Amino acid sequence: MQAYNRGRWVLLLGLLAATAACSTRQGFEQRMAAHIGRSEGDLVAALGVPTRTYQADGQRFIQYDRQQILADAYPGWGWRWGGPTVEVLDCHVTFEIERDRVQSFTSRGNDCVARPPS
């Protein structure tokens, strides 16, 4: 029975690794670059209401934030012994808007990756 459970965990970890391999920074950059030239309204329609906005010198900046906290509540499973682990995944994307059009974007964070559609 224990070998069966270990096999299920190995399969689950393999599937998670395969999914992570499909998540790429390059794909994320391409998806965000597709918004350049669009109107601010189109951007909000596509991505939702922004987390924050800022205006300076006739330019408008719109920021989107995403954060996910992963916690391993089962210490000792597999190769990790010694206590629970916590990982914070985040991504912050700021679009520069000028004359109601997206001019550029910047991103920072360890989770600015494109995921395959579910």
PDB file of N, CA and C in Angstrom:
ATOM      1  N   MET A   1       0.815  -1.197   0.000  1.00  0.00           N
ATOM      2  CA  MET A   1       0.000   0.000   0.000  1.00  0.00           C
ATOM      3  C   MET A   1       0.858   1.260   0.000  1.00  0.00           C
ATOM      4  N   GLN A   2       1.937   1.260   0.762  1.00  0.00           N
ATOM      5  CA  GLN A   2       2.790   2.443   0.821  1.00  0.00           C
ATOM      6  C   GLN A   2       3.448   2.692  -0.535  1.00  0.00           C
ATOM      7  N   ALA A   3       3.835   1.644  -1.240  1.00  0.00           N
ATOM      8  CA  ALA A   3       4.428   1.808  -2.573  1.00  0.00           C
ATOM      9  C   ALA A   3       3.412   2.426  -3.528  1.00  0.00           C
ATOM     10  N   TYR A   4       2.133   2.067  -3.376  1.00  0.00           N
ATOM     11  CA  TYR A   4       1.089   2.643  -4.215  1.00  0.00           C
ATOM     12  C   TYR A   4       0.975   4.145  -3.957  1.00  0.00           C
ATOM     13  N   ASN A   5       0.944   4.546  -2.688  1.00  0.00           N
ATOM     14  CA  ASN A   5       0.861   5.976  -2.359  1.00  0.00           C
ATOM     15  C   ASN A   5       2.083   6.726  -2.862  1.00  0.00           C
ATOM     16  N   ARG A   6       3.262   6.152  -2.723  1.00  0.00           N
ATOM     17  CA  ARG A   6       4.480   6.810  -3.209  1.00  0.00           C
ATOM     18  C   ARG A   6       4.401   6.979  -4.729  1.00  0.00           C
ATOM     19  N   GLY A   7       3.884   5.992  -5.411  1.00  0.00           N
ATOM     20  CA  GLY A   7       3.732   6.085  -6.867  1.00  0.00           C
ATOM     21  C   GLY A   7       2.788   7.200  -7.268  1.00  0.00           C
ATOM     22  N   ARG A   8       1.716   7.379  -6.490  1.00  0.00           N
ATOM     23  CA  ARG A   8       0.770   8.470  -6.772  1.00  0.00           C
ATOM     24  C   ARG A   8       1.451   9.829  -6.596  1.00  0.00           C
ATOM     25  N   TRP A   9       2.280   9.964  -5.554  1.00  0.00           N
ATOM     26  CA  TRP A   9       2.987  11.230  -5.323  1.00  0.00           C
ATOM     27  C   TRP A   9       3.992  11.502  -6.431  1.00  0.00           C
ATOM     28  N   VAL A  10       4.690  10.450  -6.883  1.00  0.00           N
ATOM     29  CA  VAL A  10       5.660  10.630  -7.968  1.00  0.00           C
ATOM     30  C   VAL A  10       4.933  11.072  -9.233  1.00  0.00           C
ATOM     31  N   LEU A  11       3.787  10.477  -9.509  1.00  0.00           N
ATOM     32  CA  LEU A  11       2.998  10.862 -10.679  1.00  0.00           C
ATOM     33  C   LEU A  11       2.519  12.303 -10.556  1.00  0.00           C
ATOM     34  N   LEU A  12       2.020  12.679  -9.368  1.00  0.00           N
ATOM     35  CA  LEU A  12       1.560  14.045  -9.150  1.00  0.00           C
ATOM     36  C   LEU A  12       2.695  15.045  -9.331  1.00  0.00           C
ATOM     37  N   LEU A  13       3.847  14.765  -8.756  1.00  0.00           N
ATOM     38  CA  LEU A  13       4.994  15.659  -8.914  1.00  0.00           C
ATOM     39  C   LEU A  13       5.427  15.755 -10.372  1.00  0.00           C
ATOM     40  N   GLY A  14       5.367  14.650 -11.094  1.00  0.00           N
ATOM     41  CA  GLY A  14       5.706  14.667 -12.516  1.00  0.00           C
ATOM     42  C   GLY A  14       4.757  15.549 -13.308  1.00  0.00           C
ATOM     43  N   LEU A  15       3.468  15.460 -13.004  1.00  0.00           N
ATOM     44  CA  LEU A  15       2.485  16.301 -13.694  1.00  0.00           C
ATOM     45  C   LEU A  15       2.700  17.773 -13.367  1.00  0.00           C
ATOM     46  N   LEU A  16       3.003  18.069 -12.097  1.00  0.00           N
ATOM     47  CA  LEU A  16       3.270  19.463 -11.728  1.00  0.00           C
ATOM     48  C   LEU A  16       4.512  19.991 -12.440  1.00  0.00           C
ATOM     49  N   ALA A  17       5.545  19.177 -12.551  1.00  0.00           N
ATOM     50  CA  ALA A  17       6.759  19.596 -13.240  1.00  0.00           C
ATOM     51  C   ALA A  17       6.482  19.832 -14.720  1.00  0.00           C
ATOM     52  N   ALA A  18       5.670  18.985 -15.319  1.00  0.00           N
ATOM     53  CA  ALA A  18       5.330  19.162 -16.736  1.00  0.00           C
ATOM     54  C   ALA A  18       4.546  20.446 -16.946  1.00  0.00           C
ATOM     55  N   THR A  19       3.633  20.744 -16.030  1.00  0.00           N
ATOM     56  CA  THR A  19       2.864  21.982 -16.113  1.00  0.00           C
ATOM     57  C   THR A  19       3.778  23.187 -15.953  1.00  0.00           C
ATOM     58  N   ALA A  20       4.701  23.115 -15.005  1.00  0.00           N
ATOM     59  CA  ALA A  20       5.627  24.229 -14.790  1.00  0.00           C
ATOM     60  C   ALA A  20       6.501  24.445 -16.006  1.00  0.00           C
ATOM     61  N   ALA A  21       6.863  23.370 -16.690  1.00  0.00           N
ATOM     62  CA  ALA A  21       7.701  23.493 -17.881  1.00  0.00           C
ATOM     63  C   ALA A  21       6.972  24.252 -18.984  1.00  0.00           C
ATOM     64  N   CYS A  22       5.643  24.193 -18.982  1.00  0.00           N
ATOM     65  CA  CYS A  22       4.852  24.911 -19.987  1.00  0.00           C
ATOM     66  C   CYS A  22       4.684  26.381 -19.628  1.00  0.00           C
ATOM     67  N   SER A  23       4.971  26.742 -18.405  1.00  0.00           N
ATOM     68  CA  SER A  23       4.848  28.123 -17.953  1.00  0.00           C
ATOM     69  C   SER A  23       6.142  28.858 -18.271  1.00  0.00           C
ATOM     70  N   THR A  24       6.047  29.871 -19.121  1.00  0.00           N
ATOM     71  CA  THR A  24       7.280  30.540 -19.546  1.00  0.00           C
ATOM     72  C   THR A  24       7.190  32.047 -19.393  1.00  0.00           C
ATOM     73  N   ARG A  25       8.328  32.639 -19.122  1.00  0.00           N
ATOM     74  CA  ARG A  25       8.433  34.096 -19.054  1.00  0.00           C
ATOM     75  C   ARG A  25       8.214  34.692 -20.452  1.00  0.00           C
ATOM     76  N   GLN A  26       8.777  34.033 -21.457  1.00  0.00           N
ATOM     77  CA  GLN A  26       8.648  34.521 -22.833  1.00  0.00           C
ATOM     78  C   GLN A  26       7.179  34.568 -23.257  1.00  0.00           C
ATOM     79  N   GLY A  27       6.423  33.543 -22.921  1.00  0.00           N
ATOM     80  CA  GLY A  27       5.000  33.523 -23.252  1.00  0.00           C
ATOM     81  C   GLY A  27       4.249  34.641 -22.557  1.00  0.00           C
ATOM     82  N   PHE A  28       4.621  34.906 -21.308  1.00  0.00           N
ATOM     83  CA  PHE A  28       4.009  35.998 -20.550  1.00  0.00           C
ATOM     84  C   PHE A  28       4.290  37.335 -21.226  1.00  0.00           C
ATOM     85  N   GLU A  29       5.553  37.566 -21.583  1.00  0.00           N
ATOM     86  CA  GLU A  29       5.935  38.824 -22.244  1.00  0.00           C
ATOM     87  C   GLU A  29       5.159  38.998 -23.550  1.00  0.00           C
ATOM     88  N   GLN A  30       4.980  37.934 -24.292  1.00  0.00           N
ATOM     89  CA  GLN A  30       4.230  38.016 -25.552  1.00  0.00           C
ATOM     90  C   GLN A  30       2.768  38.378 -25.296  1.00  0.00           C
ATOM     91  N   ARG A  31       2.177  37.771 -24.274  1.00  0.00           N
ATOM     92  CA  ARG A  31       0.772  38.070 -23.968  1.00  0.00           C
ATOM     93  C   ARG A  31       0.592  39.519 -23.545  1.00  0.00           C
ATOM     94  N   MET A  32       1.507  40.038 -22.754  1.00  0.00           N
ATOM     95  CA  MET A  32       1.399  41.430 -22.310  1.00  0.00           C
ATOM     96  C   MET A  32       1.692  42.395 -23.458  1.00  0.00           C
ATOM     97  N   ALA A  33       2.652  42.061 -24.305  1.00  0.00           N
ATOM     98  CA  ALA A  33       2.999  42.916 -25.448  1.00  0.00           C
ATOM     99  C   ALA A  33       1.827  43.042 -26.421  1.00  0.00           C
ATOM    100  N   ALA A  34       0.947  42.062 -26.440  1.00  0.00           N
ATOM    101  CA  ALA A  34      -0.220  42.114 -27.329  1.00  0.00           C
ATOM    102  C   ALA A  34      -1.147  43.278 -26.967  1.00  0.00           C
ATOM    103  N   HIS A  35      -1.018  43.822 -25.757  1.00  0.00           N
ATOM    104  CA  HIS A  35      -1.870  44.936 -25.332  1.00  0.00           C
ATOM    105  C   HIS A  35      -1.320  46.297 -25.762  1.00  0.00           C
ATOM    106  N   ILE A  36      -0.084  46.347 -26.212  1.00  0.00           N
ATOM    107  CA  ILE A  36       0.499  47.624 -26.644  1.00  0.00           C
ATOM    108  C   ILE A  36      -0.275  48.139 -27.854  1.00  0.00           C
ATOM    109  N   GLY A  37      -0.659  49.417 -27.792  1.00  0.00           N
ATOM    110  CA  GLY A  37      -1.448  50.031 -28.862  1.00  0.00           C
ATOM    111  C   GLY A  37      -2.942  50.003 -28.598  1.00  0.00           C
ATOM    112  N   ARG A  38      -3.378  49.185 -27.670  1.00  0.00           N
ATOM    113  CA  ARG A  38      -4.797  49.124 -27.341  1.00  0.00           C
ATOM    114  C   ARG A  38      -5.198  50.309 -26.468  1.00  0.00           C
ATOM    115  N   SER A  39      -6.484  50.544 -26.407  1.00  0.00           N
ATOM    116  CA  SER A  39      -6.983  51.616 -25.543  1.00  0.00           C
ATOM    117  C   SER A  39      -6.970  51.146 -24.092  1.00  0.00           C
ATOM    118  N   GLU A  40      -7.015  52.114 -23.181  1.00  0.00           N
ATOM    119  CA  GLU A  40      -7.069  51.779 -21.758  1.00  0.00           C
ATOM    120  C   GLU A  40      -8.319  50.958 -21.448  1.00  0.00           C
ATOM    121  N   GLY A  41      -9.429  51.304 -22.065  1.00  0.00           N
ATOM    122  CA  GLY A  41     -10.673  50.549 -21.870  1.00  0.00           C
ATOM    123  C   GLY A  41     -10.539  49.103 -22.313  1.00  0.00           C
ATOM    124  N   ASP A  42      -9.891  48.876 -23.446  1.00  0.00           N
ATOM    125  CA  ASP A  42      -9.680  47.504 -23.923  1.00  0.00           C
ATOM    126  C   ASP A  42      -8.786  46.715 -22.965  1.00  0.00           C
ATOM    127  N   LEU A  43      -7.769  47.396 -22.417  1.00  0.00           N
ATOM    128  CA  LEU A  43      -6.867  46.748 -21.467  1.00  0.00           C
ATOM    129  C   LEU A  43      -7.628  46.305 -20.219  1.00  0.00           C
ATOM    130  N   VAL A  44      -8.447  47.199 -19.688  1.00  0.00           N
ATOM    131  CA  VAL A  44      -9.222  46.877 -18.488  1.00  0.00           C
ATOM    132  C   VAL A  44     -10.253  45.788 -18.799  1.00  0.00           C
ATOM    133  N   ALA A  45     -10.835  45.823 -19.980  1.00  0.00           N
ATOM    134  CA  ALA A  45     -11.790  44.781 -20.357  1.00  0.00           C
ATOM    135  C   ALA A  45     -11.103  43.413 -20.430  1.00  0.00           C
ATOM    136  N   ALA A  46      -9.849  43.406 -20.878  1.00  0.00           N
ATOM    137  CA  ALA A  46      -9.121  42.137 -21.025  1.00  0.00           C
ATOM    138  C   ALA A  46      -8.569  41.624 -19.707  1.00  0.00           C
ATOM    139  N   LEU A  47      -8.037  42.522 -18.867  1.00  0.00           N
ATOM    140  CA  LEU A  47      -7.335  42.092 -17.656  1.00  0.00           C
ATOM    141  C   LEU A  47      -8.100  42.342 -16.364  1.00  0.00           C
ATOM    142  N   GLY A  48      -9.174  43.089 -16.437  1.00  0.00           N
ATOM    143  CA  GLY A  48      -9.939  43.391 -15.233  1.00  0.00           C
ATOM    144  C   GLY A  48      -9.524  44.724 -14.636  1.00  0.00           C
ATOM    145  N   VAL A  49     -10.133  45.035 -13.516  1.00  0.00           N
ATOM    146  CA  VAL A  49      -9.855  46.297 -12.833  1.00  0.00           C
ATOM    147  C   VAL A  49      -8.441  46.238 -12.259  1.00  0.00           C
ATOM    148  N   PRO A  50      -7.625  47.270 -12.498  1.00  0.00           N
ATOM    149  CA  PRO A  50      -6.240  47.245 -11.996  1.00  0.00           C
ATOM    150  C   PRO A  50      -6.180  47.378 -10.475  1.00  0.00           C
ATOM    151  N   THR A  51      -5.061  46.932  -9.928  1.00  0.00           N
ATOM    152  CA  THR A  51      -4.830  47.041  -8.492  1.00  0.00           C
ATOM    153  C   THR A  51      -4.653  48.494  -8.088  1.00  0.00           C
ATOM    154  N   ARG A  52      -3.906  49.254  -8.901  1.00  0.00           N
ATOM    155  CA  ARG A  52      -3.678  50.675  -8.600  1.00  0.00           C
ATOM    156  C   ARG A  52      -3.384  51.433  -9.882  1.00  0.00           C
ATOM    157  N   THR A  53      -3.568  52.743  -9.815  1.00  0.00           N
ATOM    158  CA  THR A  53      -3.241  53.630 -10.932  1.00  0.00           C
ATOM    159  C   THR A  53      -2.462  54.819 -10.392  1.00  0.00           C
ATOM    160  N   TYR A  54      -1.701  55.450 -11.286  1.00  0.00           N
ATOM    161  CA  TYR A  54      -0.917  56.624 -10.905  1.00  0.00           C
ATOM    162  C   TYR A  54      -0.811  57.513 -12.128  1.00  0.00           C
ATOM    163  N   GLN A  55      -0.900  58.810 -11.930  1.00  0.00           N
ATOM    164  CA  GLN A  55      -0.802  59.745 -13.038  1.00  0.00           C
ATOM    165  C   GLN A  55       0.282  60.774 -12.750  1.00  0.00           C
ATOM    166  N   ALA A  56       1.133  61.048 -13.770  1.00  0.00           N
ATOM    167  CA  ALA A  56       2.202  62.041 -13.631  1.00  0.00           C
ATOM    168  C   ALA A  56       2.599  62.540 -15.013  1.00  0.00           C
ATOM    169  N   ASP A  57       2.737  63.854 -15.151  1.00  0.00           N
ATOM    170  CA  ASP A  57       3.216  64.478 -16.397  1.00  0.00           C
ATOM    171  C   ASP A  57       2.443  64.011 -17.631  1.00  0.00           C
ATOM    172  N   GLY A  58       1.130  63.900 -17.506  1.00  0.00           N
ATOM    173  CA  GLY A  58       0.306  63.525 -18.645  1.00  0.00           C
ATOM    174  C   GLY A  58       0.338  62.038 -18.975  1.00  0.00           C
ATOM    175  N   GLN A  59       1.042  61.281 -18.204  1.00  0.00           N
ATOM    176  CA  GLN A  59       1.078  59.835 -18.418  1.00  0.00           C
ATOM    177  C   GLN A  59       0.336  59.147 -17.283  1.00  0.00           C
ATOM    178  N   ARG A  60      -0.243  58.028 -17.604  1.00  0.00           N
ATOM    179  CA  ARG A  60      -1.008  57.259 -16.624  1.00  0.00           C
ATOM    180  C   ARG A  60      -0.358  55.881 -16.534  1.00  0.00           C
ATOM    181  N   PHE A  61      -0.256  55.390 -15.324  1.00  0.00           N
ATOM    182  CA  PHE A  61       0.322  54.069 -15.094  1.00  0.00           C
ATOM    183  C   PHE A  61      -0.721  53.196 -14.412  1.00  0.00           C
ATOM    184  N   ILE A  62      -0.909  52.010 -14.945  1.00  0.00           N
ATOM    185  CA  ILE A  62      -1.887  51.062 -14.418  1.00  0.00           C
ATOM    186  C   ILE A  62      -1.127  49.813 -13.997  1.00  0.00           C
ATOM    187  N   GLN A  63      -1.333  49.393 -12.755  1.00  0.00           N
ATOM    188  CA  GLN A  63      -0.604  48.223 -12.263  1.00  0.00           C
ATOM    189  C   GLN A  63      -1.556  47.096 -11.893  1.00  0.00           C
ATOM    190  N   TYR A  64      -1.135  45.888 -12.258  1.00  0.00           N
ATOM    191  CA  TYR A  64      -1.837  44.665 -11.881  1.00  0.00           C
ATOM    192  C   TYR A  64      -0.901  43.840 -11.017  1.00  0.00           C
ATOM    193  N   ASP A  65      -1.433  43.304  -9.926  1.00  0.00           N
ATOM    194  CA  ASP A  65      -0.643  42.488  -9.013  1.00  0.00           C
ATOM    195  C   ASP A  65      -1.289  41.119  -8.870  1.00  0.00           C
ATOM    196  N   ARG A  66      -0.428  40.120  -8.786  1.00  0.00           N
ATOM    197  CA  ARG A  66      -0.895  38.753  -8.524  1.00  0.00           C
ATOM    198  C   ARG A  66       0.051  38.160  -7.497  1.00  0.00           C
ATOM    199  N   GLN A  67      -0.514  37.573  -6.448  1.00  0.00           N
ATOM    200  CA  GLN A  67       0.320  36.937  -5.437  1.00  0.00           C
ATOM    201  C   GLN A  67      -0.338  35.647  -4.992  1.00  0.00           C
ATOM    202  N   GLN A  68       0.481  34.642  -4.819  1.00  0.00           N
ATOM    203  CA  GLN A  68       0.006  33.336  -4.383  1.00  0.00           C
ATOM    204  C   GLN A  68       0.989  32.814  -3.343  1.00  0.00           C
ATOM    205  N   ILE A  69       0.482  32.310  -2.248  1.00  0.00           N
ATOM    206  CA  ILE A  69       1.334  31.745  -1.208  1.00  0.00           C
ATOM    207  C   ILE A  69       1.091  30.247  -1.162  1.00  0.00           C
ATOM    208  N   LEU A  70       2.163  29.489  -1.348  1.00  0.00           N
ATOM    209  CA  LEU A  70       2.094  28.036  -1.308  1.00  0.00           C
ATOM    210  C   LEU A  70       2.753  27.553  -0.029  1.00  0.00           C
ATOM    211  N   ALA A  71       2.049  26.719   0.707  1.00  0.00           N
ATOM    212  CA  ALA A  71       2.597  26.185   1.947  1.00  0.00           C
ATOM    213  C   ALA A  71       2.532  24.662   1.906  1.00  0.00           C
ATOM    214  N   ASP A  72       3.620  24.033   2.300  1.00  0.00           N
ATOM    215  CA  ASP A  72       3.674  22.583   2.408  1.00  0.00           C
ATOM    216  C   ASP A  72       3.310  22.243   3.844  1.00  0.00           C
ATOM    217  N   ALA A  73       2.071  21.828   4.047  1.00  0.00           N
ATOM    218  CA  ALA A  73       1.594  21.554   5.405  1.00  0.00           C
ATOM    219  C   ALA A  73       1.965  20.157   5.882  1.00  0.00           C
ATOM    220  N   TYR A  74       2.600  19.389   5.027  1.00  0.00           N
ATOM    221  CA  TYR A  74       2.942  18.013   5.376  1.00  0.00           C
ATOM    222  C   TYR A  74       4.448  17.821   5.370  1.00  0.00           C
ATOM    223  N   PRO A  75       5.139  18.347   6.379  1.00  0.00           N
ATOM    224  CA  PRO A  75       6.597  18.191   6.411  1.00  0.00           C
ATOM    225  C   PRO A  75       6.967  16.719   6.498  1.00  0.00           C
ATOM    226  N   GLY A  76       8.059  16.396   5.868  1.00  0.00           N
ATOM    227  CA  GLY A  76       8.536  15.025   5.933  1.00  0.00           C
ATOM    228  C   GLY A  76       8.151  14.175   4.743  1.00  0.00           C
ATOM    229  N   TRP A  77       7.268  14.659   3.882  1.00  0.00           N
ATOM    230  CA  TRP A  77       6.908  13.886   2.691  1.00  0.00           C
ATOM    231  C   TRP A  77       8.040  13.990   1.684  1.00  0.00           C
ATOM    232  N   GLY A  78       8.318  12.928   1.031  1.00  0.00           N
ATOM    233  CA  GLY A  78       9.317  12.955  -0.042  1.00  0.00           C
ATOM    234  C   GLY A  78      10.693  13.293   0.482  1.00  0.00           C
ATOM    235  N   TRP A  79      11.359  14.232  -0.148  1.00  0.00           N
ATOM    236  CA  TRP A  79      12.751  14.547   0.174  1.00  0.00           C
ATOM    237  C   TRP A  79      12.896  15.665   1.202  1.00  0.00           C
ATOM    238  N   ARG A  80      11.834  16.355   1.553  1.00  0.00           N
ATOM    239  CA  ARG A  80      11.932  17.495   2.468  1.00  0.00           C
ATOM    240  C   ARG A  80      11.607  17.056   3.887  1.00  0.00           C
ATOM    241  N   TRP A  81      12.572  17.139   4.755  1.00  0.00           N
ATOM    242  CA  TRP A  81      12.367  16.832   6.169  1.00  0.00           C
ATOM    243  C   TRP A  81      12.681  18.077   6.971  1.00  0.00           C
ATOM    244  N   GLY A  82      12.034  18.236   8.085  1.00  0.00           N
ATOM    245  CA  GLY A  82      12.432  19.295   8.977  1.00  0.00           C
ATOM    246  C   GLY A  82      11.444  20.426   9.122  1.00  0.00           C
ATOM    247  N   GLY A  83      10.291  20.337   8.571  1.00  0.00           N
ATOM    248  CA  GLY A  83       9.311  21.384   8.800  1.00  0.00           C
ATOM    249  C   GLY A  83       8.646  21.864   7.537  1.00  0.00           C
ATOM    250  N   PRO A  84       7.560  22.597   7.727  1.00  0.00           N
ATOM    251  CA  PRO A  84       6.818  23.097   6.565  1.00  0.00           C
ATOM    252  C   PRO A  84       7.622  24.140   5.791  1.00  0.00           C
ATOM    253  N   THR A  85       7.309  24.253   4.513  1.00  0.00           N
ATOM    254  CA  THR A  85       7.940  25.262   3.674  1.00  0.00           C
ATOM    255  C   THR A  85       6.856  26.190   3.128  1.00  0.00           C
ATOM    256  N   VAL A  86       7.233  27.432   2.924  1.00  0.00           N
ATOM    257  CA  VAL A  86       6.318  28.428   2.376  1.00  0.00           C
ATOM    258  C   VAL A  86       7.011  29.088   1.194  1.00  0.00           C
ATOM    259  N   GLU A  87       6.283  29.234   0.091  1.00  0.00           N
ATOM    260  CA  GLU A  87       6.814  29.898  -1.100  1.00  0.00           C
ATOM    261  C   GLU A  87       5.825  30.980  -1.525  1.00  0.00           C
ATOM    262  N   VAL A  88       6.330  32.179  -1.754  1.00  0.00           N
ATOM    263  CA  VAL A  88       5.494  33.282  -2.214  1.00  0.00           C
ATOM    264  C   VAL A  88       5.772  33.497  -3.698  1.00  0.00           C
ATOM    265  N   LEU A  89       4.723  33.403  -4.499  1.00  0.00           N
ATOM    266  CA  LEU A  89       4.815  33.648  -5.934  1.00  0.00           C
ATOM    267  C   LEU A  89       4.114  34.969  -6.209  1.00  0.00           C
ATOM    268  N   ASP A  90       4.787  35.870  -6.934  1.00  0.00           N
ATOM    269  CA  ASP A  90       4.155  37.143  -7.230  1.00  0.00           C
ATOM    270  C   ASP A  90       4.556  37.666  -8.592  1.00  0.00           C
ATOM    271  N   CYS A  91       3.681  38.524  -9.106  1.00  0.00           N
ATOM    272  CA  CYS A  91       3.933  39.177 -10.388  1.00  0.00           C
ATOM    273  C   CYS A  91       3.264  40.550 -10.344  1.00  0.00           C
ATOM    274  N   HIS A  92       4.018  41.560 -10.748  1.00  0.00           N
ATOM    275  CA  HIS A  92       3.516  42.931 -10.801  1.00  0.00           C
ATOM    276  C   HIS A  92       3.766  43.445 -12.221  1.00  0.00           C
ATOM    277  N   VAL A  93       2.704  43.857 -12.890  1.00  0.00           N
ATOM    278  CA  VAL A  93       2.810  44.370 -14.255  1.00  0.00           C
ATOM    279  C   VAL A  93       2.274  45.795 -14.273  1.00  0.00           C
ATOM    280  N   THR A  94       3.088  46.712 -14.811  1.00  0.00           N
ATOM    281  CA  THR A  94       2.686  48.107 -14.914  1.00  0.00           C
ATOM    282  C   THR A  94       2.641  48.506 -16.378  1.00  0.00           C
ATOM    283  N   PHE A  95       1.489  49.019 -16.802  1.00  0.00           N
ATOM    284  CA  PHE A  95       1.318  49.495 -18.169  1.00  0.00           C
ATOM    285  C   PHE A  95       1.394  51.015 -18.161  1.00  0.00           C
ATOM    286  N   GLU A  96       2.095  51.564 -19.132  1.00  0.00           N
ATOM    287  CA  GLU A  96       2.155  53.013 -19.313  1.00  0.00           C
ATOM    288  C   GLU A  96       1.115  53.399 -20.350  1.00  0.00           C
ATOM    289  N   ILE A  97       0.233  54.318 -19.979  1.00  0.00           N
ATOM    290  CA  ILE A  97      -0.837  54.779 -20.863  1.00  0.00           C
ATOM    291  C   ILE A  97      -0.560  56.233 -21.222  1.00  0.00           C
ATOM    292  N   GLU A  98      -0.594  56.528 -22.507  1.00  0.00           N
ATOM    293  CA  GLU A  98      -0.447  57.906 -22.964  1.00  0.00           C
ATOM    294  C   GLU A  98      -1.468  58.145 -24.067  1.00  0.00           C
ATOM    295  N   ARG A  99      -2.216  59.226 -23.939  1.00  0.00           N
ATOM    296  CA  ARG A  99      -3.293  59.549 -24.886  1.00  0.00           C
ATOM    297  C   ARG A  99      -4.236  58.356 -25.087  1.00  0.00           C
ATOM    298  N   ASP A 100      -4.631  57.734 -23.962  1.00  0.00           N
ATOM    299  CA  ASP A 100      -5.575  56.614 -23.923  1.00  0.00           C
ATOM    300  C   ASP A 100      -5.075  55.352 -24.633  1.00  0.00           C
ATOM    301  N   ARG A 101      -3.786  55.239 -24.891  1.00  0.00           N
ATOM    302  CA  ARG A 101      -3.241  54.043 -25.546  1.00  0.00           C
ATOM    303  C   ARG A 101      -2.109  53.457 -24.711  1.00  0.00           C
ATOM    304  N   VAL A 102      -2.053  52.143 -24.668  1.00  0.00           N
ATOM    305  CA  VAL A 102      -0.964  51.458 -23.968  1.00  0.00           C
ATOM    306  C   VAL A 102       0.311  51.660 -24.775  1.00  0.00           C
ATOM    307  N   GLN A 103       1.316  52.254 -24.137  1.00  0.00           N
ATOM    308  CA  GLN A 103       2.593  52.533 -24.804  1.00  0.00           C
ATOM    309  C   GLN A 103       3.628  51.443 -24.542  1.00  0.00           C
ATOM    310  N   SER A 104       3.655  50.947 -23.312  1.00  0.00           N
ATOM    311  CA  SER A 104       4.658  49.943 -22.936  1.00  0.00           C
ATOM    312  C   SER A 104       4.223  49.292 -21.632  1.00  0.00           C
ATOM    313  N   PHE A 105       5.007  48.318 -21.193  1.00  0.00           N
ATOM    314  CA  PHE A 105       4.744  47.684 -19.905  1.00  0.00           C
ATOM    315  C   PHE A 105       6.063  47.226 -19.304  1.00  0.00           C
ATOM    316  N   THR A 106       6.070  47.080 -17.999  1.00  0.00           N
ATOM    317  CA  THR A 106       7.193  46.471 -17.287  1.00  0.00           C
ATOM    318  C   THR A 106       6.609  45.434 -16.343  1.00  0.00           C
ATOM    319  N   SER A 107       7.411  44.445 -16.021  1.00  0.00           N
ATOM    320  CA  SER A 107       6.948  43.420 -15.092  1.00  0.00           C
ATOM    321  C   SER A 107       8.085  43.029 -14.169  1.00  0.00           C
ATOM    322  N   ARG A 108       7.696  42.618 -12.981  1.00  0.00           N
ATOM    323  CA  ARG A 108       8.686  42.119 -12.032  1.00  0.00           C
ATOM    324  C   ARG A 108       8.008  41.082 -11.144  1.00  0.00           C
ATOM    325  N   GLY A 109       8.816  40.172 -10.657  1.00  0.00           N
ATOM    326  CA  GLY A 109       8.305  39.118  -9.788  1.00  0.00           C
ATOM    327  C   GLY A 109       8.748  37.752 -10.271  1.00  0.00           C
ATOM    328  N   ASN A 110       8.602  36.765  -9.420  1.00  0.00           N
ATOM    329  CA  ASN A 110       9.045  35.420  -9.752  1.00  0.00           C
ATOM    330  C   ASN A 110       7.955  34.560 -10.382  1.00  0.00           C
ATOM    331  N   ASP A 111       6.778  35.135 -10.610  1.00  0.00           N
ATOM    332  CA  ASP A 111       5.677  34.349 -11.187  1.00  0.00           C
ATOM    333  C   ASP A 111       5.054  35.041 -12.394  1.00  0.00           C
ATOM    334  N   CYS A 112       5.858  35.833 -13.117  1.00  0.00           N
ATOM    335  CA  CYS A 112       5.372  36.461 -14.348  1.00  0.00           C
ATOM    336  C   CYS A 112       5.601  35.484 -15.490  1.00  0.00           C
ATOM    337  N   VAL A 113       4.764  34.490 -15.532  1.00  0.00           N
ATOM    338  CA  VAL A 113       4.862  33.439 -16.543  1.00  0.00           C
ATOM    339  C   VAL A 113       3.496  33.188 -17.145  1.00  0.00           C
ATOM    340  N   ALA A 114       3.493  32.769 -18.382  1.00  0.00           N
ATOM    341  CA  ALA A 114       2.243  32.417 -19.058  1.00  0.00           C
ATOM    342  C   ALA A 114       1.938  30.963 -18.752  1.00  0.00           C
ATOM    343  N   ARG A 115       0.719  30.714 -18.400  1.00  0.00           N
ATOM    344  CA  ARG A 115       0.281  29.340 -18.157  1.00  0.00           C
ATOM    345  C   ARG A 115      -0.597  28.900 -19.299  1.00  0.00           C
ATOM    346  N   PRO A 116      -0.543  27.619 -19.624  1.00  0.00           N
ATOM    347  CA  PRO A 116      -1.421  27.143 -20.683  1.00  0.00           C
ATOM    348  C   PRO A 116      -2.883  27.306 -20.283  1.00  0.00           C
ATOM    349  N   PRO A 117      -3.763  27.530 -21.237  1.00  0.00           N
ATOM    350  CA  PRO A 117      -5.192  27.664 -20.914  1.00  0.00           C
ATOM    351  C   PRO A 117      -5.691  26.410 -20.222  1.00  0.00           C
ATOM    352  N   SER A 118      -6.595  26.591 -19.264  1.00  0.00           N
ATOM    353  CA  SER A 118      -7.130  25.406 -18.551  1.00  0.00           C
ATOM    354  C   SER A 118      -8.419  24.953 -19.156  1.00  0.00           C
TER     355      SER A 118
END
